Amino acid sequence: MSEITPESVRHLAQLARIALTEDEIVSLTGELGAIVDAVAQVQQVAGDDVPATSHPIPLSGGMRVDEPGTPLTTEQALAGAPDHDGSRFRVTAILGEEQ
């Protein structure tokens, strides 16, 4: 049985700074509870003889060889930028104050 309560959902939402309506809290309580219950079932089956995996199929070849090449010039790098000052990208401040 799940240990997720509406109070724990409210607490998690507050920690994540997410505003939730009461309907969303009720919905998420059930959904998160189902997830916790599913993980508990897997933990019951997975013993010491079952290796932990991050993917059901072994992955290989996902990375290319890192070989040095000709770098872009400043002009080439800035050519597609929506805004720049001639030597740097210009972006909107996201922290609410200029650094």
PDB file of N, CA and C in Angstrom:
ATOM      1  N   MET A   1       0.841  -1.192   0.000  1.00  0.00           N
ATOM      2  CA  MET A   1       0.000   0.000   0.000  1.00  0.00           C
ATOM      3  C   MET A   1       0.877   1.243   0.000  1.00  0.00           C
ATOM      4  N   SER A   2       0.514   2.208  -0.775  1.00  0.00           N
ATOM      5  CA  SER A   2       1.282   3.440  -0.960  1.00  0.00           C
ATOM      6  C   SER A   2       1.297   4.306   0.292  1.00  0.00           C
ATOM      7  N   GLU A   3       2.378   5.038   0.424  1.00  0.00           N
ATOM      8  CA  GLU A   3       2.525   5.963   1.553  1.00  0.00           C
ATOM      9  C   GLU A   3       2.335   7.408   1.104  1.00  0.00           C
ATOM     10  N   ILE A   4       1.848   7.619  -0.102  1.00  0.00           N
ATOM     11  CA  ILE A   4       1.652   8.957  -0.641  1.00  0.00           C
ATOM     12  C   ILE A   4       0.304   9.496  -0.167  1.00  0.00           C
ATOM     13  N   THR A   5       0.353  10.655   0.463  1.00  0.00           N
ATOM     14  CA  THR A   5      -0.856  11.314   0.956  1.00  0.00           C
ATOM     15  C   THR A   5      -0.969  12.682   0.293  1.00  0.00           C
ATOM     16  N   PRO A   6      -2.154  13.281   0.337  1.00  0.00           N
ATOM     17  CA  PRO A   6      -2.271  14.641  -0.201  1.00  0.00           C
ATOM     18  C   PRO A   6      -1.303  15.616   0.480  1.00  0.00           C
ATOM     19  N   GLU A   7      -1.040  15.403   1.755  1.00  0.00           N
ATOM     20  CA  GLU A   7      -0.108  16.276   2.473  1.00  0.00           C
ATOM     21  C   GLU A   7       1.312  16.122   1.922  1.00  0.00           C
ATOM     22  N   SER A   8       1.710  14.883   1.607  1.00  0.00           N
ATOM     23  CA  SER A   8       3.055  14.683   1.050  1.00  0.00           C
ATOM     24  C   SER A   8       3.158  15.275  -0.348  1.00  0.00           C
ATOM     25  N   VAL A   9       2.080  15.221  -1.125  1.00  0.00           N
ATOM     26  CA  VAL A   9       2.076  15.838  -2.453  1.00  0.00           C
ATOM     27  C   VAL A   9       2.182  17.353  -2.320  1.00  0.00           C
ATOM     28  N   ARG A  10       1.443  17.935  -1.386  1.00  0.00           N
ATOM     29  CA  ARG A  10       1.542  19.383  -1.152  1.00  0.00           C
ATOM     30  C   ARG A  10       2.971  19.764  -0.762  1.00  0.00           C
ATOM     31  N   HIS A  11       3.574  18.955   0.102  1.00  0.00           N
ATOM     32  CA  HIS A  11       4.944  19.227   0.550  1.00  0.00           C
ATOM     33  C   HIS A  11       5.921  19.156  -0.625  1.00  0.00           C
ATOM     34  N   LEU A  12       5.817  18.122  -1.451  1.00  0.00           N
ATOM     35  CA  LEU A  12       6.684  17.998  -2.620  1.00  0.00           C
ATOM     36  C   LEU A  12       6.483  19.156  -3.588  1.00  0.00           C
ATOM     37  N   ALA A  13       5.238  19.560  -3.787  1.00  0.00           N
ATOM     38  CA  ALA A  13       4.956  20.689  -4.678  1.00  0.00           C
ATOM     39  C   ALA A  13       5.568  21.970  -4.130  1.00  0.00           C
ATOM     40  N   GLN A  14       5.497  22.154  -2.830  1.00  0.00           N
ATOM     41  CA  GLN A  14       6.094  23.341  -2.219  1.00  0.00           C
ATOM     42  C   GLN A  14       7.613  23.319  -2.391  1.00  0.00           C
ATOM     43  N   LEU A  15       8.244  22.164  -2.182  1.00  0.00           N
ATOM     44  CA  LEU A  15       9.691  22.057  -2.363  1.00  0.00           C
ATOM     45  C   LEU A  15      10.097  22.352  -3.802  1.00  0.00           C
ATOM     46  N   ALA A  16       9.279  21.905  -4.754  1.00  0.00           N
ATOM     47  CA  ALA A  16       9.569  22.103  -6.171  1.00  0.00           C
ATOM     48  C   ALA A  16       9.064  23.456  -6.678  1.00  0.00           C
ATOM     49  N   ARG A  17       8.420  24.210  -5.785  1.00  0.00           N
ATOM     50  CA  ARG A  17       7.845  25.513  -6.139  1.00  0.00           C
ATOM     51  C   ARG A  17       6.856  25.394  -7.306  1.00  0.00           C
ATOM     52  N   ILE A  18       5.970  24.400  -7.172  1.00  0.00           N
ATOM     53  CA  ILE A  18       4.935  24.157  -8.172  1.00  0.00           C
ATOM     54  C   ILE A  18       3.582  24.427  -7.519  1.00  0.00           C
ATOM     55  N   ALA A  19       2.796  25.290  -8.134  1.00  0.00           N
ATOM     56  CA  ALA A  19       1.455  25.578  -7.627  1.00  0.00           C
ATOM     57  C   ALA A  19       0.496  24.510  -8.159  1.00  0.00           C
ATOM     58  N   LEU A  20      -0.175  23.827  -7.247  1.00  0.00           N
ATOM     59  CA  LEU A  20      -1.123  22.787  -7.635  1.00  0.00           C
ATOM     60  C   LEU A  20      -2.510  23.118  -7.106  1.00  0.00           C
ATOM     61  N   THR A  21      -3.526  22.806  -7.911  1.00  0.00           N
ATOM     62  CA  THR A  21      -4.908  22.940  -7.445  1.00  0.00           C
ATOM     63  C   THR A  21      -5.243  21.709  -6.606  1.00  0.00           C
ATOM     64  N   GLU A  22      -6.343  21.769  -5.894  1.00  0.00           N
ATOM     65  CA  GLU A  22      -6.768  20.613  -5.091  1.00  0.00           C
ATOM     66  C   GLU A  22      -7.053  19.412  -5.985  1.00  0.00           C
ATOM     67  N   ASP A  23      -7.631  19.652  -7.173  1.00  0.00           N
ATOM     68  CA  ASP A  23      -7.885  18.547  -8.109  1.00  0.00           C
ATOM     69  C   ASP A  23      -6.573  17.896  -8.546  1.00  0.00           C
ATOM     70  N   GLU A  24      -5.544  18.702  -8.808  1.00  0.00           N
ATOM     71  CA  GLU A  24      -4.247  18.160  -9.200  1.00  0.00           C
ATOM     72  C   GLU A  24      -3.605  17.388  -8.054  1.00  0.00           C
ATOM     73  N   ILE A  25      -3.780  17.871  -6.833  1.00  0.00           N
ATOM     74  CA  ILE A  25      -3.230  17.170  -5.665  1.00  0.00           C
ATOM     75  C   ILE A  25      -3.881  15.805  -5.524  1.00  0.00           C
ATOM     76  N   VAL A  26      -5.192  15.758  -5.679  1.00  0.00           N
ATOM     77  CA  VAL A  26      -5.911  14.478  -5.577  1.00  0.00           C
ATOM     78  C   VAL A  26      -5.441  13.532  -6.681  1.00  0.00           C
ATOM     79  N   SER A  27      -5.337  14.039  -7.895  1.00  0.00           N
ATOM     80  CA  SER A  27      -4.908  13.210  -9.031  1.00  0.00           C
ATOM     81  C   SER A  27      -3.478  12.703  -8.833  1.00  0.00           C
ATOM     82  N   LEU A  28      -2.579  13.604  -8.448  1.00  0.00           N
ATOM     83  CA  LEU A  28      -1.182  13.215  -8.259  1.00  0.00           C
ATOM     84  C   LEU A  28      -1.000  12.264  -7.079  1.00  0.00           C
ATOM     85  N   THR A  29      -1.830  12.385  -6.070  1.00  0.00           N
ATOM     86  CA  THR A  29      -1.743  11.455  -4.940  1.00  0.00           C
ATOM     87  C   THR A  29      -1.948  10.023  -5.424  1.00  0.00           C
ATOM     88  N   GLY A  30      -2.939   9.809  -6.260  1.00  0.00           N
ATOM     89  CA  GLY A  30      -3.182   8.473  -6.808  1.00  0.00           C
ATOM     90  C   GLY A  30      -2.097   8.030  -7.770  1.00  0.00           C
ATOM     91  N   GLU A  31      -1.664   8.937  -8.648  1.00  0.00           N
ATOM     92  CA  GLU A  31      -0.657   8.581  -9.639  1.00  0.00           C
ATOM     93  C   GLU A  31       0.693   8.270  -8.981  1.00  0.00           C
ATOM     94  N   LEU A  32       1.116   9.124  -8.051  1.00  0.00           N
ATOM     95  CA  LEU A  32       2.385   8.869  -7.362  1.00  0.00           C
ATOM     96  C   LEU A  32       2.300   7.621  -6.490  1.00  0.00           C
ATOM     97  N   GLY A  33       1.141   7.393  -5.905  1.00  0.00           N
ATOM     98  CA  GLY A  33       0.948   6.181  -5.116  1.00  0.00           C
ATOM     99  C   GLY A  33       1.096   4.930  -5.962  1.00  0.00           C
ATOM    100  N   ALA A  34       0.554   4.963  -7.182  1.00  0.00           N
ATOM    101  CA  ALA A  34       0.683   3.822  -8.095  1.00  0.00           C
ATOM    102  C   ALA A  34       2.145   3.589  -8.466  1.00  0.00           C
ATOM    103  N   ILE A  35       2.899   4.675  -8.658  1.00  0.00           N
ATOM    104  CA  ILE A  35       4.320   4.546  -8.985  1.00  0.00           C
ATOM    105  C   ILE A  35       5.084   3.932  -7.817  1.00  0.00           C
ATOM    106  N   VAL A  36       4.818   4.409  -6.610  1.00  0.00           N
ATOM    107  CA  VAL A  36       5.495   3.871  -5.420  1.00  0.00           C
ATOM    108  C   VAL A  36       5.157   2.394  -5.246  1.00  0.00           C
ATOM    109  N   ASP A  37       3.900   2.031  -5.470  1.00  0.00           N
ATOM    110  CA  ASP A  37       3.498   0.624  -5.349  1.00  0.00           C
ATOM    111  C   ASP A  37       4.203  -0.246  -6.395  1.00  0.00           C
ATOM    112  N   ALA A  38       4.333   0.259  -7.626  1.00  0.00           N
ATOM    113  CA  ALA A  38       5.011  -0.500  -8.681  1.00  0.00           C
ATOM    114  C   ALA A  38       6.485  -0.706  -8.344  1.00  0.00           C
ATOM    115  N   VAL A  39       7.133   0.324  -7.824  1.00  0.00           N
ATOM    116  CA  VAL A  39       8.541   0.192  -7.429  1.00  0.00           C
ATOM    117  C   VAL A  39       8.677  -0.812  -6.293  1.00  0.00           C
ATOM    118  N   ALA A  40       7.745  -0.804  -5.358  1.00  0.00           N
ATOM    119  CA  ALA A  40       7.784  -1.765  -4.248  1.00  0.00           C
ATOM    120  C   ALA A  40       7.664  -3.196  -4.765  1.00  0.00           C
ATOM    121  N   GLN A  41       6.827  -3.416  -5.776  1.00  0.00           N
ATOM    122  CA  GLN A  41       6.694  -4.763  -6.354  1.00  0.00           C
ATOM    123  C   GLN A  41       7.997  -5.207  -7.002  1.00  0.00           C
ATOM    124  N   VAL A  42       8.649  -4.318  -7.713  1.00  0.00           N
ATOM    125  CA  VAL A  42       9.922  -4.655  -8.354  1.00  0.00           C
ATOM    126  C   VAL A  42      10.968  -4.970  -7.291  1.00  0.00           C
ATOM    127  N   GLN A  43      10.981  -4.208  -6.212  1.00  0.00           N
ATOM    128  CA  GLN A  43      11.956  -4.446  -5.149  1.00  0.00           C
ATOM    129  C   GLN A  43      11.750  -5.808  -4.494  1.00  0.00           C
ATOM    130  N   GLN A  44      10.521  -6.291  -4.435  1.00  0.00           N
ATOM    131  CA  GLN A  44      10.260  -7.607  -3.858  1.00  0.00           C
ATOM    132  C   GLN A  44      10.834  -8.718  -4.736  1.00  0.00           C
ATOM    133  N   VAL A  45      10.808  -8.533  -6.042  1.00  0.00           N
ATOM    134  CA  VAL A  45      11.257  -9.557  -6.973  1.00  0.00           C
ATOM    135  C   VAL A  45      12.764  -9.504  -7.183  1.00  0.00           C
ATOM    136  N   ALA A  46      13.316  -8.302  -7.225  1.00  0.00           N
ATOM    137  CA  ALA A  46      14.739  -8.123  -7.516  1.00  0.00           C
ATOM    138  C   ALA A  46      15.566  -8.512  -6.299  1.00  0.00           C
ATOM    139  N   GLY A  47      16.252  -9.626  -6.403  1.00  0.00           N
ATOM    140  CA  GLY A  47      17.114 -10.088  -5.323  1.00  0.00           C
ATOM    141  C   GLY A  47      18.558  -9.728  -5.596  1.00  0.00           C
ATOM    142  N   ASP A  48      19.431 -10.211  -4.734  1.00  0.00           N
ATOM    143  CA  ASP A  48      20.853  -9.939  -4.889  1.00  0.00           C
ATOM    144  C   ASP A  48      21.430 -10.552  -6.166  1.00  0.00           C
ATOM    145  N   ASP A  49      20.773 -11.594  -6.684  1.00  0.00           N
ATOM    146  CA  ASP A  49      21.273 -12.253  -7.878  1.00  0.00           C
ATOM    147  C   ASP A  49      20.820 -11.573  -9.178  1.00  0.00           C
ATOM    148  N   VAL A  50      19.988 -10.529  -9.070  1.00  0.00           N
ATOM    149  CA  VAL A  50      19.521  -9.800 -10.245  1.00  0.00           C
ATOM    150  C   VAL A  50      20.314  -8.500 -10.349  1.00  0.00           C
ATOM    151  N   PRO A  51      21.124  -8.361 -11.414  1.00  0.00           N
ATOM    152  CA  PRO A  51      21.939  -7.139 -11.542  1.00  0.00           C
ATOM    153  C   PRO A  51      21.062  -5.926 -11.854  1.00  0.00           C
ATOM    154  N   ALA A  52      21.439  -4.796 -11.306  1.00  0.00           N
ATOM    155  CA  ALA A  52      20.730  -3.553 -11.584  1.00  0.00           C
ATOM    156  C   ALA A  52      21.017  -3.128 -13.024  1.00  0.00           C
ATOM    157  N   THR A  53      20.010  -2.619 -13.702  1.00  0.00           N
ATOM    158  CA  THR A  53      20.191  -2.159 -15.077  1.00  0.00           C
ATOM    159  C   THR A  53      19.549  -0.793 -15.240  1.00  0.00           C
ATOM    160  N   SER A  54      20.074  -0.036 -16.188  1.00  0.00           N
ATOM    161  CA  SER A  54      19.462   1.251 -16.501  1.00  0.00           C
ATOM    162  C   SER A  54      18.698   1.174 -17.818  1.00  0.00           C
ATOM    163  N   HIS A  55      18.906   0.064 -18.556  1.00  0.00           N
ATOM    164  CA  HIS A  55      18.252  -0.111 -19.843  1.00  0.00           C
ATOM    165  C   HIS A  55      18.091  -1.605 -20.096  1.00  0.00           C
ATOM    166  N   PRO A  56      16.950  -2.021 -20.632  1.00  0.00           N
ATOM    167  CA  PRO A  56      16.732  -3.455 -20.814  1.00  0.00           C
ATOM    168  C   PRO A  56      17.602  -4.104 -21.877  1.00  0.00           C
ATOM    169  N   ILE A  57      18.123  -3.301 -22.810  1.00  0.00           N
ATOM    170  CA  ILE A  57      18.968  -3.820 -23.885  1.00  0.00           C
ATOM    171  C   ILE A  57      20.335  -3.164 -23.765  1.00  0.00           C
ATOM    172  N   PRO A  58      21.419  -3.937 -23.808  1.00  0.00           N
ATOM    173  CA  PRO A  58      22.743  -3.311 -23.714  1.00  0.00           C
ATOM    174  C   PRO A  58      22.950  -2.292 -24.840  1.00  0.00           C
ATOM    175  N   LEU A  59      23.448  -1.143 -24.476  1.00  0.00           N
ATOM    176  CA  LEU A  59      23.699  -0.090 -25.454  1.00  0.00           C
ATOM    177  C   LEU A  59      25.186  -0.010 -25.750  1.00  0.00           C
ATOM    178  N   SER A  60      25.509   0.254 -26.998  1.00  0.00           N
ATOM    179  CA  SER A  60      26.907   0.445 -27.361  1.00  0.00           C
ATOM    180  C   SER A  60      26.976   1.391 -28.544  1.00  0.00           C
ATOM    181  N   GLY A  61      28.140   2.005 -28.715  1.00  0.00           N
ATOM    182  CA  GLY A  61      28.354   2.856 -29.866  1.00  0.00           C
ATOM    183  C   GLY A  61      27.616   4.172 -29.827  1.00  0.00           C
ATOM    184  N   GLY A  62      27.236   4.635 -28.674  1.00  0.00           N
ATOM    185  CA  GLY A  62      26.493   5.885 -28.575  1.00  0.00           C
ATOM    186  C   GLY A  62      27.354   7.123 -28.672  1.00  0.00           C
ATOM    187  N   MET A  63      28.654   6.957 -28.605  1.00  0.00           N
ATOM    188  CA  MET A  63      29.543   8.120 -28.634  1.00  0.00           C
ATOM    189  C   MET A  63      30.499   8.003 -29.822  1.00  0.00           C
ATOM    190  N   ARG A  64      30.754   9.122 -30.457  1.00  0.00           N
ATOM    191  CA  ARG A  64      31.721   9.134 -31.540  1.00  0.00           C
ATOM    192  C   ARG A  64      33.104   9.431 -30.971  1.00  0.00           C
ATOM    193  N   VAL A  65      34.105   9.164 -31.742  1.00  0.00           N
ATOM    194  CA  VAL A  65      35.470   9.448 -31.332  1.00  0.00           C
ATOM    195  C   VAL A  65      35.646  10.963 -31.274  1.00  0.00           C
ATOM    196  N   ASP A  66      36.262  11.434 -30.221  1.00  0.00           N
ATOM    197  CA  ASP A  66      36.492  12.862 -30.055  1.00  0.00           C
ATOM    198  C   ASP A  66      37.790  13.237 -30.765  1.00  0.00           C
ATOM    199  N   GLU A  67      37.654  13.784 -31.970  1.00  0.00           N
ATOM    200  CA  GLU A  67      38.814  14.148 -32.754  1.00  0.00           C
ATOM    201  C   GLU A  67      38.855  15.652 -32.929  1.00  0.00           C
ATOM    202  N   PRO A  68      40.015  16.268 -32.740  1.00  0.00           N
ATOM    203  CA  PRO A  68      40.101  17.720 -32.933  1.00  0.00           C
ATOM    204  C   PRO A  68      39.850  18.090 -34.384  1.00  0.00           C
ATOM    205  N   GLY A  69      39.204  19.215 -34.575  1.00  0.00           N
ATOM    206  CA  GLY A  69      38.924  19.693 -35.923  1.00  0.00           C
ATOM    207  C   GLY A  69      39.151  21.191 -35.990  1.00  0.00           C
ATOM    208  N   THR A  70      38.747  21.772 -37.087  1.00  0.00           N
ATOM    209  CA  THR A  70      38.898  23.209 -37.268  1.00  0.00           C
ATOM    210  C   THR A  70      37.768  23.912 -36.515  1.00  0.00           C
ATOM    211  N   PRO A  71      38.103  24.771 -35.566  1.00  0.00           N
ATOM    212  CA  PRO A  71      37.039  25.454 -34.812  1.00  0.00           C
ATOM    213  C   PRO A  71      36.388  26.546 -35.659  1.00  0.00           C
ATOM    214  N   LEU A  72      35.181  26.935 -35.260  1.00  0.00           N
ATOM    215  CA  LEU A  72      34.493  28.027 -35.935  1.00  0.00           C
ATOM    216  C   LEU A  72      35.164  29.348 -35.583  1.00  0.00           C
ATOM    217  N   THR A  73      35.136  30.268 -36.522  1.00  0.00           N
ATOM    218  CA  THR A  73      35.585  31.619 -36.201  1.00  0.00           C
ATOM    219  C   THR A  73      34.480  32.296 -35.397  1.00  0.00           C
ATOM    220  N   THR A  74      34.788  33.398 -34.769  1.00  0.00           N
ATOM    221  CA  THR A  74      33.776  34.131 -34.009  1.00  0.00           C
ATOM    222  C   THR A  74      32.622  34.525 -34.918  1.00  0.00           C
ATOM    223  N   GLU A  75      32.923  34.986 -36.105  1.00  0.00           N
ATOM    224  CA  GLU A  75      31.884  35.403 -37.049  1.00  0.00           C
ATOM    225  C   GLU A  75      30.980  34.232 -37.435  1.00  0.00           C
ATOM    226  N   GLN A  76      31.575  33.059 -37.666  1.00  0.00           N
ATOM    227  CA  GLN A  76      30.781  31.876 -38.016  1.00  0.00           C
ATOM    228  C   GLN A  76      29.882  31.459 -36.853  1.00  0.00           C
ATOM    229  N   ALA A  77      30.413  31.491 -35.653  1.00  0.00           N
ATOM    230  CA  ALA A  77      29.633  31.085 -34.482  1.00  0.00           C
ATOM    231  C   ALA A  77      28.468  32.033 -34.244  1.00  0.00           C
ATOM    232  N   LEU A  78      28.667  33.322 -34.486  1.00  0.00           N
ATOM    233  CA  LEU A  78      27.632  34.318 -34.221  1.00  0.00           C
ATOM    234  C   LEU A  78      26.679  34.518 -35.396  1.00  0.00           C
ATOM    235  N   ALA A  79      26.986  33.927 -36.552  1.00  0.00           N
ATOM    236  CA  ALA A  79      26.202  34.161 -37.766  1.00  0.00           C
ATOM    237  C   ALA A  79      24.726  33.824 -37.592  1.00  0.00           C
ATOM    238  N   GLY A  80      24.392  32.770 -36.886  1.00  0.00           N
ATOM    239  CA  GLY A  80      22.993  32.373 -36.721  1.00  0.00           C
ATOM    240  C   GLY A  80      22.372  32.830 -35.423  1.00  0.00           C
ATOM    241  N   ALA A  81      23.106  33.591 -34.632  1.00  0.00           N
ATOM    242  CA  ALA A  81      22.594  34.017 -33.326  1.00  0.00           C
ATOM    243  C   ALA A  81      21.521  35.088 -33.495  1.00  0.00           C
ATOM    244  N   PRO A  82      20.447  35.015 -32.729  1.00  0.00           N
ATOM    245  CA  PRO A  82      19.412  36.038 -32.832  1.00  0.00           C
ATOM    246  C   PRO A  82      19.906  37.412 -32.350  1.00  0.00           C
ATOM    247  N   ASP A  83      20.884  37.419 -31.443  1.00  0.00           N
ATOM    248  CA  ASP A  83      21.412  38.686 -30.944  1.00  0.00           C
ATOM    249  C   ASP A  83      22.844  38.474 -30.464  1.00  0.00           C
ATOM    250  N   HIS A  84      23.709  39.407 -30.800  1.00  0.00           N
ATOM    251  CA  HIS A  84      25.097  39.333 -30.345  1.00  0.00           C
ATOM    252  C   HIS A  84      25.680  40.733 -30.349  1.00  0.00           C
ATOM    253  N   ASP A  85      26.827  40.910 -29.701  1.00  0.00           N
ATOM    254  CA  ASP A  85      27.469  42.225 -29.650  1.00  0.00           C
ATOM    255  C   ASP A  85      28.731  42.276 -30.508  1.00  0.00           C
ATOM    256  N   GLY A  86      28.890  41.321 -31.401  1.00  0.00           N
ATOM    257  CA  GLY A  86      30.049  41.280 -32.264  1.00  0.00           C
ATOM    258  C   GLY A  86      31.100  40.280 -31.829  1.00  0.00           C
ATOM    259  N   SER A  87      31.127  39.990 -30.523  1.00  0.00           N
ATOM    260  CA  SER A  87      32.104  39.012 -30.038  1.00  0.00           C
ATOM    261  C   SER A  87      31.499  37.991 -29.079  1.00  0.00           C
ATOM    262  N   ARG A  88      30.258  38.234 -28.638  1.00  0.00           N
ATOM    263  CA  ARG A  88      29.603  37.324 -27.694  1.00  0.00           C
ATOM    264  C   ARG A  88      28.119  37.211 -28.013  1.00  0.00           C
ATOM    265  N   PHE A  89      27.528  36.062 -27.625  1.00  0.00           N
ATOM    266  CA  PHE A  89      26.088  35.909 -27.718  1.00  0.00           C
ATOM    267  C   PHE A  89      25.450  36.832 -26.691  1.00  0.00           C
ATOM    268  N   ARG A  90      24.313  37.407 -27.025  1.00  0.00           N
ATOM    269  CA  ARG A  90      23.574  38.240 -26.083  1.00  0.00           C
ATOM    270  C   ARG A  90      22.278  37.509 -25.766  1.00  0.00           C
ATOM    271  N   VAL A  91      22.027  37.275 -24.470  1.00  0.00           N
ATOM    272  CA  VAL A  91      20.830  36.557 -24.039  1.00  0.00           C
ATOM    273  C   VAL A  91      20.130  37.350 -22.945  1.00  0.00           C
ATOM    274  N   THR A  92      18.857  37.052 -22.762  1.00  0.00           N
ATOM    275  CA  THR A  92      18.072  37.698 -21.732  1.00  0.00           C
ATOM    276  C   THR A  92      18.487  37.156 -20.365  1.00  0.00           C
ATOM    277  N   ALA A  93      18.584  38.048 -19.380  1.00  0.00           N
ATOM    278  CA  ALA A  93      18.900  37.617 -18.019  1.00  0.00           C
ATOM    279  C   ALA A  93      17.753  36.751 -17.505  1.00  0.00           C
ATOM    280  N   ILE A  94      18.080  35.634 -16.866  1.00  0.00           N
ATOM    281  CA  ILE A  94      17.033  34.743 -16.364  1.00  0.00           C
ATOM    282  C   ILE A  94      16.954  34.742 -14.843  1.00  0.00           C
ATOM    283  N   LEU A  95      17.897  35.373 -14.184  1.00  0.00           N
ATOM    284  CA  LEU A  95      17.913  35.369 -12.731  1.00  0.00           C
ATOM    285  C   LEU A  95      17.257  36.596 -12.148  1.00  0.00           C
ATOM    286  N   GLY A  96      16.740  37.478 -13.002  1.00  0.00           N
ATOM    287  CA  GLY A  96      16.030  38.642 -12.513  1.00  0.00           C
ATOM    288  C   GLY A  96      16.926  39.842 -12.234  1.00  0.00           C
ATOM    289  N   GLU A  97      18.205  39.681 -12.377  1.00  0.00           N
ATOM    290  CA  GLU A  97      19.109  40.803 -12.175  1.00  0.00           C
ATOM    291  C   GLU A  97      20.328  40.609 -13.054  1.00  0.00           C
ATOM    292  N   GLU A  98      20.891  41.707 -13.484  1.00  0.00           N
ATOM    293  CA  GLU A  98      22.092  41.644 -14.321  1.00  0.00           C
ATOM    294  C   GLU A  98      23.280  41.194 -13.492  1.00  0.00           C
ATOM    295  N   GLN A  99      24.103  40.356 -14.053  1.00  0.00           N
ATOM    296  CA  GLN A  99      25.296  39.867 -13.355  1.00  0.00           C
ATOM    297  C   GLN A  99      26.492  40.705 -13.706  1.00  0.00           C
TER     298      GLN A  99
END
